[in-house]
Every structure is written in structure tokens, then in C-alpha cells.
């Protein structure tokens, strides 16, 4: 395994990010690669939030429901920060907003899709229950491949 490799999931807490996290956890299990959750670090000036707490909460939720430990990775808060943080990835699973058809991937996520970069799988939530949703959950999640 390369240093910095693994299944990376850029995570900001949206419904589509949870769908990507679910698929990322399944891929990490199937490949034996580590699962890494990527978010942005706070700016040096003190402006902007650090994603550490969000990534820790998501990692705990996935670990509790699936037994998979997700390692947090903090990217620089710049347009290329996410692409730089995932450069050595085995795969990147990115959630798509419901607005992606009108707004596109967005600048940071769009930079993930590069000819010399890792494979990127884009997913969005769907109407069926997911594999990591608690049985008593009323919210339903699933993933579907985008391309």
C-alpha cells in the first residue's frame, strides 16, 4: 500500500456525502484499503471552520454501524486543497448535490477529476434505505453511480 493511499471520501455532512461515505466504506472493506474522510482545515487567520469535529463524528457513526474506522484528513482551504490531499488515493468517492445538473461539481470537486489523478466515483443519495442507516431510521439513503 502506498503512503497516503486509500479510499478517500470528501465529507461536508450533506445527504449526498453520507451516501458517498457508505459506498466508500464498502469499497475500503472490499479492497482492504484504509477509509479516509477528507475535509478542510481552518484558515490560519482564524476565519473558516475546521472540519475536524465533523469528520470525527462521521467516523464514529460509520465505526459504530459498520465496524470500519475512517481516518480524518484535513485539506488546505484552497481550490486545489482537496485534489492535493487525495492525490495518492486508490479511489475517491464524492457525493453529488441534488443541484449538480444545474451547478456542476463545483470548483474543488471538479479538480478531483483529472487524467493523472485517482479514479473518482460520484454518487448521490436515493430513495431506498442504506446499508449504514439504523433500522429504525425514517430517513432513507442509498447511492447510485453517476458518470
C-alpha atoms as a PDB file:
ATOM      1  CA  UNK A   1       0.000   0.000   0.000  1.00  0.00           C
ATOM      2  CA  UNK A   2       1.319   3.465  -0.904  1.00  0.00           C
ATOM      3  CA  UNK A   3       1.659   6.109   1.779  1.00  0.00           C
ATOM      4  CA  UNK A   4      -1.455   8.296   1.549  1.00  0.00           C
ATOM      5  CA  UNK A   5      -3.354   5.707  -0.438  1.00  0.00           C
ATOM      6  CA  UNK A   6      -6.809   4.526   0.481  1.00  0.00           C
ATOM      7  CA  UNK A   7     -10.418   5.215  -0.330  1.00  0.00           C
ATOM      8  CA  UNK A   8     -10.990   8.945   0.182  1.00  0.00           C
ATOM      9  CA  UNK A   9     -14.406  10.473   0.769  1.00  0.00           C
ATOM     10  CA  UNK A  10     -14.613  14.291   0.720  1.00  0.00           C
ATOM     11  CA  UNK A  11     -17.114  14.955   3.503  1.00  0.00           C
ATOM     12  CA  UNK A  12     -19.075  18.077   4.427  1.00  0.00           C
ATOM     13  CA  UNK A  13     -22.076  16.396   6.099  1.00  0.00           C
ATOM     14  CA  UNK A  14     -24.677  16.657   3.324  1.00  0.00           C
ATOM     15  CA  UNK A  15     -27.047  13.806   2.487  1.00  0.00           C
ATOM     16  CA  UNK A  16     -25.041  13.054  -0.654  1.00  0.00           C
ATOM     17  CA  UNK A  17     -21.840  12.920   1.415  1.00  0.00           C
ATOM     18  CA  UNK A  18     -23.375  10.225   3.642  1.00  0.00           C
ATOM     19  CA  UNK A  19     -24.211   8.202   0.529  1.00  0.00           C
ATOM     20  CA  UNK A  20     -20.590   8.591  -0.634  1.00  0.00           C
ATOM     21  CA  UNK A  21     -19.351   7.585   2.816  1.00  0.00           C
ATOM     22  CA  UNK A  22     -21.425   4.420   2.714  1.00  0.00           C
ATOM     23  CA  UNK A  23     -20.057   3.403  -0.676  1.00  0.00           C
ATOM     24  CA  UNK A  24     -16.540   4.394   0.401  1.00  0.00           C
ATOM     25  CA  UNK A  25     -16.815   2.153   3.471  1.00  0.00           C
ATOM     26  CA  UNK A  26     -17.899  -0.774   1.296  1.00  0.00           C
ATOM     27  CA  UNK A  27     -15.024  -0.169  -1.143  1.00  0.00           C
ATOM     28  CA  UNK A  28     -12.485   0.074   1.673  1.00  0.00           C
ATOM     29  CA  UNK A  29     -13.744  -3.202   3.117  1.00  0.00           C
ATOM     30  CA  UNK A  30     -13.663  -4.963  -0.262  1.00  0.00           C
ATOM     31  CA  UNK A  31     -10.163  -3.751  -1.183  1.00  0.00           C
ATOM     32  CA  UNK A  32      -8.517  -3.811   2.254  1.00  0.00           C
ATOM     33  CA  UNK A  33      -7.560  -0.148   1.779  1.00  0.00           C
ATOM     34  CA  UNK A  34      -7.980   2.366   4.612  1.00  0.00           C
ATOM     35  CA  UNK A  35     -11.031   4.632   4.581  1.00  0.00           C
ATOM     36  CA  UNK A  36     -10.157   8.325   4.783  1.00  0.00           C
ATOM     37  CA  UNK A  37     -12.577  11.206   5.278  1.00  0.00           C
ATOM     38  CA  UNK A  38     -11.360  14.476   3.805  1.00  0.00           C
ATOM     39  CA  UNK A  39     -12.439  17.911   4.970  1.00  0.00           C
ATOM     40  CA  UNK A  40     -10.851  21.340   5.129  1.00  0.00           C
ATOM     41  CA  UNK A  41      -8.693  22.700   7.911  1.00  0.00           C
ATOM     42  CA  UNK A  42      -9.458  26.123   9.326  1.00  0.00           C
ATOM     43  CA  UNK A  43      -7.697  29.093   7.822  1.00  0.00           C
ATOM     44  CA  UNK A  44      -4.587  30.398   9.574  1.00  0.00           C
ATOM     45  CA  UNK A  45      -6.296  33.769  10.042  1.00  0.00           C
ATOM     46  CA  UNK A  46      -8.895  32.075  12.237  1.00  0.00           C
ATOM     47  CA  UNK A  47     -11.670  32.562   9.689  1.00  0.00           C
ATOM     48  CA  UNK A  48     -13.469  29.495   8.424  1.00  0.00           C
ATOM     49  CA  UNK A  49     -14.310  26.347  10.327  1.00  0.00           C
ATOM     50  CA  UNK A  50     -12.090  23.344  10.710  1.00  0.00           C
ATOM     51  CA  UNK A  51     -13.777  20.083   9.699  1.00  0.00           C
ATOM     52  CA  UNK A  52     -12.135  18.031  12.481  1.00  0.00           C
ATOM     53  CA  UNK A  53     -15.234  17.636  14.628  1.00  0.00           C
ATOM     54  CA  UNK A  54     -17.486  16.824  11.666  1.00  0.00           C
ATOM     55  CA  UNK A  55     -15.039  14.199  10.379  1.00  0.00           C
ATOM     56  CA  UNK A  56     -14.688  12.669  13.855  1.00  0.00           C
ATOM     57  CA  UNK A  57     -18.476  12.457  14.255  1.00  0.00           C
ATOM     58  CA  UNK A  58     -18.891  10.831  10.833  1.00  0.00           C
ATOM     59  CA  UNK A  59     -16.054   8.400  11.556  1.00  0.00           C
ATOM     60  CA  UNK A  60     -17.674   7.387  14.853  1.00  0.00           C
ATOM     61  CA  UNK A  61     -21.053   6.871  13.178  1.00  0.00           C
ATOM     62  CA  UNK A  62     -19.545   4.648  10.478  1.00  0.00           C
ATOM     63  CA  UNK A  63     -17.477   2.729  13.018  1.00  0.00           C
ATOM     64  CA  UNK A  64     -20.486   2.157  15.261  1.00  0.00           C
ATOM     65  CA  UNK A  65     -22.670   0.908  12.395  1.00  0.00           C
ATOM     66  CA  UNK A  66     -20.135  -0.966  10.243  1.00  0.00           C
ATOM     67  CA  UNK A  67     -17.042  -1.547  12.373  1.00  0.00           C
ATOM     68  CA  UNK A  68     -14.910   0.361   9.837  1.00  0.00           C
ATOM     69  CA  UNK A  69     -12.605   3.047  11.214  1.00  0.00           C
ATOM     70  CA  UNK A  70     -12.314   6.121   8.994  1.00  0.00           C
ATOM     71  CA  UNK A  71      -9.203   8.264   9.306  1.00  0.00           C
ATOM     72  CA  UNK A  72      -9.706  12.040   9.049  1.00  0.00           C
ATOM     73  CA  UNK A  73      -7.584  14.009   6.560  1.00  0.00           C
ATOM     74  CA  UNK A  74      -7.561  17.803   6.674  1.00  0.00           C
ATOM     75  CA  UNK A  75      -7.005  19.572   3.352  1.00  0.00           C
ATOM     76  CA  UNK A  76      -5.882  23.131   2.837  1.00  0.00           C
ATOM     77  CA  UNK A  77      -8.798  25.581   2.381  1.00  0.00           C
ATOM     78  CA  UNK A  78      -7.928  26.399  -1.223  1.00  0.00           C
ATOM     79  CA  UNK A  79      -9.388  25.420  -4.610  1.00  0.00           C
ATOM     80  CA  UNK A  80      -6.662  22.770  -5.043  1.00  0.00           C
ATOM     81  CA  UNK A  81      -6.566  21.623  -1.406  1.00  0.00           C
ATOM     82  CA  UNK A  82      -8.893  18.660  -1.831  1.00  0.00           C
ATOM     83  CA  UNK A  83      -7.177  17.470  -5.027  1.00  0.00           C
ATOM     84  CA  UNK A  84      -3.774  17.754  -3.319  1.00  0.00           C
ATOM     85  CA  UNK A  85      -4.989  15.787  -0.267  1.00  0.00           C
ATOM     86  CA  UNK A  86      -6.379  12.946  -2.404  1.00  0.00           C
ATOM     87  CA  UNK A  87      -3.543  12.796  -4.967  1.00  0.00           C
ATOM     88  CA  UNK A  88      -2.267   9.387  -3.797  1.00  0.00           C
ATOM     89  CA  UNK A  89      -5.719   7.863  -3.326  1.00  0.00           C
ATOM     90  CA  UNK A  90      -6.627   4.400  -4.513  1.00  0.00           C
ATOM     91  CA  UNK A  91     -10.092   5.824  -5.262  1.00  0.00           C
ATOM     92  CA  UNK A  92     -12.145   8.911  -4.403  1.00  0.00           C
ATOM     93  CA  UNK A  93     -15.872   8.643  -3.736  1.00  0.00           C
ATOM     94  CA  UNK A  94     -17.524  12.041  -3.915  1.00  0.00           C
ATOM     95  CA  UNK A  95     -21.121  12.942  -3.148  1.00  0.00           C
ATOM     96  CA  UNK A  96     -23.129  14.939  -5.650  1.00  0.00           C
ATOM     97  CA  UNK A  97     -25.520  17.626  -4.581  1.00  0.00           C
ATOM     98  CA  UNK A  98     -29.069  17.388  -5.963  1.00  0.00           C
ATOM     99  CA  UNK A  99     -28.176  20.646  -7.780  1.00  0.00           C
ATOM    100  CA  UNK A 100     -25.226  19.117  -9.674  1.00  0.00           C
ATOM    101  CA  UNK A 101     -27.068  19.022 -13.012  1.00  0.00           C
ATOM    102  CA  UNK A 102     -27.533  22.785 -12.865  1.00  0.00           C
ATOM    103  CA  UNK A 103     -24.436  23.821 -10.927  1.00  0.00           C
ATOM    104  CA  UNK A 104     -21.904  21.137 -11.856  1.00  0.00           C
ATOM    105  CA  UNK A 105     -19.466  19.523  -9.455  1.00  0.00           C
ATOM    106  CA  UNK A 106     -18.172  22.780  -8.026  1.00  0.00           C
ATOM    107  CA  UNK A 107     -14.610  24.046  -8.241  1.00  0.00           C
ATOM    108  CA  UNK A 108     -12.959  21.870  -5.561  1.00  0.00           C
ATOM    109  CA  UNK A 109     -14.722  18.632  -6.538  1.00  0.00           C
ATOM    110  CA  UNK A 110     -14.249  19.330 -10.230  1.00  0.00           C
ATOM    111  CA  UNK A 111     -10.479  19.436  -9.687  1.00  0.00           C
ATOM    112  CA  UNK A 112     -10.625  15.838  -8.426  1.00  0.00           C
ATOM    113  CA  UNK A 113     -11.432  14.638 -11.928  1.00  0.00           C
ATOM    114  CA  UNK A 114      -8.058  14.748 -13.661  1.00  0.00           C
ATOM    115  CA  UNK A 115      -6.426  12.491 -16.268  1.00  0.00           C
ATOM    116  CA  UNK A 116      -3.455  11.794 -13.986  1.00  0.00           C
ATOM    117  CA  UNK A 117      -5.496  11.620 -10.778  1.00  0.00           C
ATOM    118  CA  UNK A 118      -7.060   8.710  -8.921  1.00  0.00           C
ATOM    119  CA  UNK A 119     -10.329   7.140 -10.112  1.00  0.00           C
ATOM    120  CA  UNK A 120     -13.324   9.191  -8.974  1.00  0.00           C
ATOM    121  CA  UNK A 121     -16.795   7.779  -8.369  1.00  0.00           C
ATOM    122  CA  UNK A 122     -19.584  10.354  -7.978  1.00  0.00           C
ATOM    123  CA  UNK A 123     -22.753   9.317  -6.126  1.00  0.00           C
ATOM    124  CA  UNK A 124     -25.906  10.896  -4.783  1.00  0.00           C
ATOM    125  CA  UNK A 125     -28.470   9.794  -2.263  1.00  0.00           C
ATOM    126  CA  UNK A 126     -31.560   7.958  -3.372  1.00  0.00           C
ATOM    127  CA  UNK A 127     -34.952   6.867  -2.015  1.00  0.00           C
ATOM    128  CA  UNK A 128     -34.009   3.437  -0.554  1.00  0.00           C
ATOM    129  CA  UNK A 129     -32.587   2.665   2.907  1.00  0.00           C
ATOM    130  CA  UNK A 130     -28.822   2.460   3.001  1.00  0.00           C
ATOM    131  CA  UNK A 131     -26.650  -0.238   4.497  1.00  0.00           C
ATOM    132  CA  UNK A 132     -25.435   2.076   7.272  1.00  0.00           C
ATOM    133  CA  UNK A 133     -28.808   3.588   8.179  1.00  0.00           C
ATOM    134  CA  UNK A 134     -30.156   2.332  11.522  1.00  0.00           C
ATOM    135  CA  UNK A 135     -33.145   0.019  11.040  1.00  0.00           C
ATOM    136  CA  UNK A 136     -35.439   2.430  12.857  1.00  0.00           C
ATOM    137  CA  UNK A 137     -34.366   5.403  10.698  1.00  0.00           C
ATOM    138  CA  UNK A 138     -37.135   7.198   8.853  1.00  0.00           C
ATOM    139  CA  UNK A 139     -34.716   8.966   6.507  1.00  0.00           C
ATOM    140  CA  UNK A 140     -33.768   6.759   3.587  1.00  0.00           C
ATOM    141  CA  UNK A 141     -30.423   6.872   1.807  1.00  0.00           C
ATOM    142  CA  UNK A 142     -28.818   4.928  -0.994  1.00  0.00           C
ATOM    143  CA  UNK A 143     -26.201   5.527  -3.638  1.00  0.00           C
ATOM    144  CA  UNK A 144     -26.246   5.459  -7.379  1.00  0.00           C
ATOM    145  CA  UNK A 145     -23.354   5.753  -9.780  1.00  0.00           C
ATOM    146  CA  UNK A 146     -23.003   8.958 -11.741  1.00  0.00           C
ATOM    147  CA  UNK A 147     -20.874   9.326 -14.754  1.00  0.00           C
END
